[in-house]
Amino acid sequence: MQQNAVVDPLSWGLDALRRFVAPALLEETIFRVMLLPHPVEGVPGDRWLLWGIVSFVAFIFHHILLDKTLYKGANAGLSDPRFLVLAGWVGLVLIGAYWITGSLWLVVLMHWAVVLV
């Protein structure tokens, strides 16, 4: 028989805040803002797409590397093919959102929402 776990609101809030900083803010700052040209820079679409591919591949390899190093033995599943497919789709959506808006905060909030769910 399964028992319902009681969630401490303070613990949940602190965990949500931690997940806002890492992975959401940290990864979006690196993989979107630092790797991708800002939309107002006027970079041609084909060159922007090339940077998008670099960002996408780096984002996927980052998760594999985390699973093999920092989270090794934690059964985090960050290199599980199912997770990587989902992370890839999220990465593509975030690249598109950044391309359209140029907003760090939008992609951070989107990433954070996915992580919390």
N, C-alpha and C. Protein backbone atom coordinates (compact mmCIF):
# COMPACT_ATOMS: atom_id res chain seq x y z
N MET A 1 0.84 -1.17 0.00
CA MET A 1 0.00 0.00 0.00
C MET A 1 0.89 1.24 0.00
N GLN A 2 0.61 2.15 -0.90
CA GLN A 2 1.43 3.35 -1.04
C GLN A 2 0.89 4.47 -0.16
N GLN A 3 1.80 5.13 0.53
CA GLN A 3 1.40 6.25 1.38
C GLN A 3 1.70 7.55 0.67
N ASN A 4 0.87 8.54 0.89
CA ASN A 4 1.11 9.86 0.31
C ASN A 4 2.19 10.58 1.09
N ALA A 5 3.13 11.14 0.38
CA ALA A 5 4.21 11.88 1.02
C ALA A 5 3.73 13.29 1.33
N VAL A 6 4.07 13.76 2.51
CA VAL A 6 3.74 15.13 2.90
C VAL A 6 4.88 16.01 2.41
N VAL A 7 4.52 17.04 1.66
CA VAL A 7 5.52 17.93 1.10
C VAL A 7 5.62 19.17 1.97
N ASP A 8 6.81 19.43 2.46
CA ASP A 8 7.06 20.63 3.24
C ASP A 8 7.16 21.81 2.28
N PRO A 9 6.29 22.83 2.42
CA PRO A 9 6.30 23.96 1.47
C PRO A 9 7.65 24.68 1.40
N LEU A 10 8.34 24.80 2.52
CA LEU A 10 9.64 25.47 2.51
C LEU A 10 10.66 24.66 1.71
N SER A 11 10.68 23.36 1.93
CA SER A 11 11.61 22.50 1.17
C SER A 11 11.30 22.54 -0.32
N TRP A 12 9.99 22.48 -0.65
CA TRP A 12 9.60 22.53 -2.05
C TRP A 12 10.01 23.86 -2.67
N GLY A 13 9.79 24.96 -1.96
CA GLY A 13 10.16 26.28 -2.47
C GLY A 13 11.65 26.43 -2.69
N LEU A 14 12.43 25.94 -1.73
CA LEU A 14 13.90 26.01 -1.88
C LEU A 14 14.38 25.15 -3.03
N ASP A 15 13.77 23.97 -3.20
CA ASP A 15 14.14 23.10 -4.32
C ASP A 15 13.76 23.76 -5.66
N ALA A 16 12.59 24.38 -5.70
CA ALA A 16 12.16 25.07 -6.92
C ALA A 16 13.11 26.23 -7.24
N LEU A 17 13.54 26.96 -6.22
CA LEU A 17 14.50 28.06 -6.42
C LEU A 17 15.84 27.53 -6.92
N ARG A 18 16.30 26.42 -6.36
CA ARG A 18 17.56 25.81 -6.81
C ARG A 18 17.45 25.40 -8.27
N ARG A 19 16.31 24.85 -8.66
CA ARG A 19 16.11 24.41 -10.04
C ARG A 19 15.97 25.61 -11.00
N PHE A 20 15.56 26.76 -10.46
CA PHE A 20 15.53 27.97 -11.27
C PHE A 20 16.96 28.40 -11.62
N VAL A 21 17.84 28.34 -10.62
CA VAL A 21 19.23 28.77 -10.83
C VAL A 21 19.97 27.73 -11.67
N ALA A 22 19.93 26.47 -11.23
CA ALA A 22 20.58 25.39 -11.97
C ALA A 22 19.61 24.23 -12.01
N PRO A 23 19.09 23.93 -13.14
CA PRO A 23 19.66 24.09 -14.46
C PRO A 23 19.15 25.28 -15.27
N ALA A 24 17.98 25.83 -14.97
CA ALA A 24 17.33 26.76 -15.90
C ALA A 24 18.19 27.99 -16.23
N LEU A 25 18.50 28.81 -15.25
CA LEU A 25 19.24 30.05 -15.51
C LEU A 25 20.65 29.75 -16.04
N LEU A 26 21.33 28.83 -15.42
CA LEU A 26 22.70 28.51 -15.82
C LEU A 26 22.76 27.97 -17.25
N GLU A 27 21.94 26.97 -17.56
CA GLU A 27 21.99 26.37 -18.90
C GLU A 27 21.51 27.33 -19.98
N GLU A 28 20.48 28.11 -19.70
CA GLU A 28 19.99 29.05 -20.72
C GLU A 28 20.98 30.17 -20.97
N THR A 29 21.67 30.60 -19.92
CA THR A 29 22.70 31.63 -20.11
C THR A 29 23.81 31.10 -21.01
N ILE A 30 24.21 29.86 -20.80
CA ILE A 30 25.29 29.28 -21.59
C ILE A 30 24.82 28.90 -23.00
N PHE A 31 23.77 28.09 -23.08
CA PHE A 31 23.40 27.48 -24.36
C PHE A 31 22.55 28.36 -25.26
N ARG A 32 21.95 29.39 -24.73
CA ARG A 32 21.20 30.32 -25.57
C ARG A 32 21.92 31.65 -25.67
N VAL A 33 22.08 32.34 -24.56
CA VAL A 33 22.60 33.71 -24.60
C VAL A 33 24.07 33.77 -25.02
N MET A 34 24.89 32.88 -24.50
CA MET A 34 26.31 32.95 -24.83
C MET A 34 26.64 32.34 -26.20
N LEU A 35 25.90 31.31 -26.60
CA LEU A 35 26.22 30.63 -27.86
C LEU A 35 25.47 31.19 -29.07
N LEU A 36 24.30 31.76 -28.85
CA LEU A 36 23.48 32.22 -29.97
C LEU A 36 23.57 33.73 -30.13
N PRO A 37 23.63 34.21 -31.37
CA PRO A 37 23.58 35.66 -31.58
C PRO A 37 22.21 36.20 -31.16
N HIS A 38 22.21 37.37 -30.59
CA HIS A 38 20.93 37.99 -30.24
C HIS A 38 20.21 38.37 -31.53
N PRO A 39 18.90 38.22 -31.60
CA PRO A 39 18.17 38.50 -32.84
C PRO A 39 18.38 39.91 -33.40
N VAL A 40 18.64 40.90 -32.57
CA VAL A 40 18.81 42.26 -33.09
C VAL A 40 20.20 42.50 -33.68
N GLU A 41 21.09 41.51 -33.58
CA GLU A 41 22.43 41.66 -34.14
C GLU A 41 22.43 41.60 -35.66
N GLY A 42 21.34 41.14 -36.25
CA GLY A 42 21.25 41.11 -37.70
C GLY A 42 22.04 40.00 -38.36
N VAL A 43 22.29 38.93 -37.64
CA VAL A 43 23.02 37.80 -38.21
C VAL A 43 22.10 37.11 -39.22
N PRO A 44 22.60 36.82 -40.42
CA PRO A 44 21.78 36.15 -41.44
C PRO A 44 21.22 34.83 -40.91
N GLY A 45 20.03 34.46 -41.40
CA GLY A 45 19.34 33.27 -40.93
C GLY A 45 20.13 31.99 -41.04
N ASP A 46 20.89 31.81 -42.13
CA ASP A 46 21.65 30.57 -42.28
C ASP A 46 22.77 30.47 -41.25
N ARG A 47 23.40 31.59 -40.96
CA ARG A 47 24.46 31.60 -39.95
C ARG A 47 23.85 31.41 -38.55
N TRP A 48 22.68 32.01 -38.32
CA TRP A 48 22.00 31.84 -37.05
C TRP A 48 21.61 30.37 -36.86
N LEU A 49 21.15 29.73 -37.92
CA LEU A 49 20.79 28.33 -37.86
C LEU A 49 22.01 27.46 -37.52
N LEU A 50 23.16 27.80 -38.09
CA LEU A 50 24.38 27.07 -37.77
C LEU A 50 24.70 27.18 -36.28
N TRP A 51 24.60 28.39 -35.72
CA TRP A 51 24.82 28.57 -34.29
C TRP A 51 23.77 27.81 -33.48
N GLY A 52 22.54 27.76 -33.99
CA GLY A 52 21.49 27.00 -33.32
C GLY A 52 21.82 25.52 -33.24
N ILE A 53 22.40 24.99 -34.31
CA ILE A 53 22.80 23.58 -34.32
C ILE A 53 23.93 23.34 -33.31
N VAL A 54 24.89 24.25 -33.27
CA VAL A 54 25.99 24.14 -32.30
C VAL A 54 25.42 24.15 -30.87
N SER A 55 24.52 25.08 -30.61
CA SER A 55 23.89 25.19 -29.30
C SER A 55 23.13 23.91 -28.95
N PHE A 56 22.38 23.38 -29.90
CA PHE A 56 21.59 22.17 -29.70
C PHE A 56 22.48 20.98 -29.35
N VAL A 57 23.52 20.77 -30.14
CA VAL A 57 24.44 19.64 -29.91
C VAL A 57 25.14 19.79 -28.56
N ALA A 58 25.59 20.99 -28.25
CA ALA A 58 26.25 21.23 -26.97
C ALA A 58 25.30 20.96 -25.80
N PHE A 59 24.04 21.37 -25.95
CA PHE A 59 23.03 21.16 -24.91
C PHE A 59 22.83 19.67 -24.64
N ILE A 60 22.75 18.88 -25.70
CA ILE A 60 22.57 17.43 -25.54
C ILE A 60 23.81 16.80 -24.92
N PHE A 61 24.99 17.13 -25.43
CA PHE A 61 26.23 16.55 -24.87
C PHE A 61 26.45 16.98 -23.43
N HIS A 62 26.02 18.17 -23.08
CA HIS A 62 26.12 18.65 -21.70
C HIS A 62 25.38 17.69 -20.76
N HIS A 63 24.18 17.27 -21.15
CA HIS A 63 23.41 16.37 -20.29
C HIS A 63 24.07 14.99 -20.19
N ILE A 64 24.62 14.51 -21.29
CA ILE A 64 25.33 13.23 -21.26
C ILE A 64 26.54 13.33 -20.35
N LEU A 65 27.30 14.41 -20.51
CA LEU A 65 28.49 14.62 -19.68
C LEU A 65 28.15 14.72 -18.20
N LEU A 66 27.07 15.44 -17.87
CA LEU A 66 26.64 15.53 -16.47
C LEU A 66 26.34 14.14 -15.90
N ASP A 67 25.66 13.32 -16.70
CA ASP A 67 25.29 11.99 -16.24
C ASP A 67 26.51 11.11 -16.01
N LYS A 68 27.54 11.31 -16.83
CA LYS A 68 28.74 10.48 -16.74
C LYS A 68 29.75 11.00 -15.72
N THR A 69 29.58 12.26 -15.26
CA THR A 69 30.56 12.83 -14.33
C THR A 69 29.90 13.25 -13.01
N LEU A 70 29.29 14.39 -13.00
CA LEU A 70 28.74 14.97 -11.77
C LEU A 70 27.68 14.09 -11.12
N TYR A 71 26.82 13.47 -11.94
CA TYR A 71 25.75 12.63 -11.42
C TYR A 71 26.02 11.14 -11.59
N LYS A 72 27.27 10.78 -11.80
CA LYS A 72 27.63 9.37 -11.99
C LYS A 72 27.23 8.57 -10.74
N GLY A 73 26.53 7.48 -10.96
CA GLY A 73 26.10 6.64 -9.86
C GLY A 73 24.82 7.11 -9.19
N ALA A 74 24.28 8.25 -9.62
CA ALA A 74 23.07 8.77 -9.00
C ALA A 74 21.80 8.31 -9.71
N ASN A 75 21.97 7.53 -10.78
CA ASN A 75 20.84 7.08 -11.58
C ASN A 75 19.96 8.25 -12.02
N ALA A 76 20.61 9.34 -12.42
CA ALA A 76 19.87 10.54 -12.84
C ALA A 76 19.19 10.33 -14.19
N GLY A 77 19.72 9.46 -15.02
CA GLY A 77 19.09 9.17 -16.30
C GLY A 77 19.28 10.23 -17.36
N LEU A 78 20.25 11.12 -17.17
CA LEU A 78 20.44 12.22 -18.12
C LEU A 78 21.01 11.77 -19.46
N SER A 79 21.52 10.54 -19.52
CA SER A 79 22.00 10.03 -20.81
C SER A 79 21.07 8.95 -21.37
N ASP A 80 19.94 8.74 -20.73
CA ASP A 80 18.93 7.81 -21.23
C ASP A 80 18.39 8.35 -22.56
N PRO A 81 18.34 7.54 -23.59
CA PRO A 81 17.86 8.03 -24.89
C PRO A 81 16.48 8.68 -24.85
N ARG A 82 15.60 8.17 -24.00
CA ARG A 82 14.26 8.78 -23.88
C ARG A 82 14.35 10.19 -23.33
N PHE A 83 15.20 10.37 -22.31
CA PHE A 83 15.40 11.71 -21.76
C PHE A 83 16.02 12.62 -22.80
N LEU A 84 17.01 12.12 -23.52
CA LEU A 84 17.71 12.96 -24.50
C LEU A 84 16.78 13.40 -25.63
N VAL A 85 15.85 12.54 -26.04
CA VAL A 85 14.87 12.95 -27.06
C VAL A 85 14.01 14.09 -26.52
N LEU A 86 13.52 13.93 -25.29
CA LEU A 86 12.70 14.98 -24.69
C LEU A 86 13.51 16.26 -24.49
N ALA A 87 14.74 16.13 -24.01
CA ALA A 87 15.59 17.31 -23.82
C ALA A 87 15.88 17.97 -25.16
N GLY A 88 16.04 17.16 -26.20
CA GLY A 88 16.26 17.70 -27.54
C GLY A 88 15.09 18.53 -28.01
N TRP A 89 13.87 18.02 -27.82
CA TRP A 89 12.69 18.79 -28.22
C TRP A 89 12.58 20.08 -27.42
N VAL A 90 12.83 20.00 -26.12
CA VAL A 90 12.80 21.22 -25.30
C VAL A 90 13.87 22.19 -25.78
N GLY A 91 15.07 21.67 -26.07
CA GLY A 91 16.15 22.53 -26.58
C GLY A 91 15.76 23.23 -27.87
N LEU A 92 15.12 22.51 -28.78
CA LEU A 92 14.69 23.12 -30.04
C LEU A 92 13.65 24.23 -29.81
N VAL A 93 12.71 23.96 -28.92
CA VAL A 93 11.70 24.97 -28.60
C VAL A 93 12.35 26.20 -27.98
N LEU A 94 13.30 25.99 -27.09
CA LEU A 94 13.98 27.11 -26.43
C LEU A 94 14.84 27.91 -27.42
N ILE A 95 15.48 27.23 -28.35
CA ILE A 95 16.24 27.93 -29.39
C ILE A 95 15.29 28.79 -30.21
N GLY A 96 14.15 28.23 -30.59
CA GLY A 96 13.17 28.99 -31.36
C GLY A 96 12.62 30.17 -30.58
N ALA A 97 12.34 29.98 -29.31
CA ALA A 97 11.82 31.07 -28.47
C ALA A 97 12.85 32.19 -28.34
N TYR A 98 14.12 31.81 -28.20
CA TYR A 98 15.17 32.83 -28.09
C TYR A 98 15.33 33.56 -29.43
N TRP A 99 15.25 32.82 -30.53
CA TRP A 99 15.37 33.43 -31.86
C TRP A 99 14.25 34.45 -32.10
N ILE A 100 13.05 34.09 -31.67
CA ILE A 100 11.90 34.97 -31.88
C ILE A 100 11.91 36.18 -30.95
N THR A 101 12.25 35.95 -29.67
CA THR A 101 12.12 37.02 -28.67
C THR A 101 13.43 37.66 -28.24
N GLY A 102 14.51 36.90 -28.26
CA GLY A 102 15.78 37.40 -27.74
C GLY A 102 15.78 37.56 -26.23
N SER A 103 14.81 36.94 -25.56
CA SER A 103 14.65 37.12 -24.11
C SER A 103 15.25 35.96 -23.33
N LEU A 104 16.25 36.26 -22.53
CA LEU A 104 16.80 35.27 -21.61
C LEU A 104 15.72 34.81 -20.64
N TRP A 105 14.96 35.74 -20.09
CA TRP A 105 14.01 35.41 -19.03
C TRP A 105 12.89 34.51 -19.53
N LEU A 106 12.46 34.67 -20.76
CA LEU A 106 11.42 33.80 -21.29
C LEU A 106 11.93 32.36 -21.36
N VAL A 107 13.13 32.16 -21.93
CA VAL A 107 13.63 30.79 -22.06
C VAL A 107 13.98 30.19 -20.71
N VAL A 108 14.42 31.01 -19.77
CA VAL A 108 14.69 30.51 -18.41
C VAL A 108 13.39 30.03 -17.77
N LEU A 109 12.34 30.84 -17.86
CA LEU A 109 11.06 30.45 -17.27
C LEU A 109 10.48 29.21 -17.94
N MET A 110 10.63 29.10 -19.25
CA MET A 110 10.15 27.92 -19.96
C MET A 110 10.93 26.67 -19.50
N HIS A 111 12.25 26.79 -19.42
CA HIS A 111 13.09 25.67 -18.99
C HIS A 111 12.74 25.27 -17.55
N TRP A 112 12.57 26.27 -16.71
CA TRP A 112 12.25 26.03 -15.30
C TRP A 112 10.91 25.31 -15.18
N ALA A 113 9.93 25.74 -15.95
CA ALA A 113 8.60 25.10 -15.91
C ALA A 113 8.71 23.62 -16.30
N VAL A 114 9.48 23.33 -17.33
CA VAL A 114 9.65 21.93 -17.75
C VAL A 114 10.31 21.12 -16.65
N VAL A 115 11.34 21.68 -16.03
CA VAL A 115 12.05 20.96 -14.96
C VAL A 115 11.13 20.72 -13.76
N LEU A 116 10.33 21.71 -13.42
CA LEU A 116 9.43 21.53 -12.27
C LEU A 116 8.35 20.49 -12.53
N VAL A 117 7.86 20.44 -13.77
CA VAL A 117 6.82 19.47 -14.10
C VAL A 117 7.43 18.09 -14.14
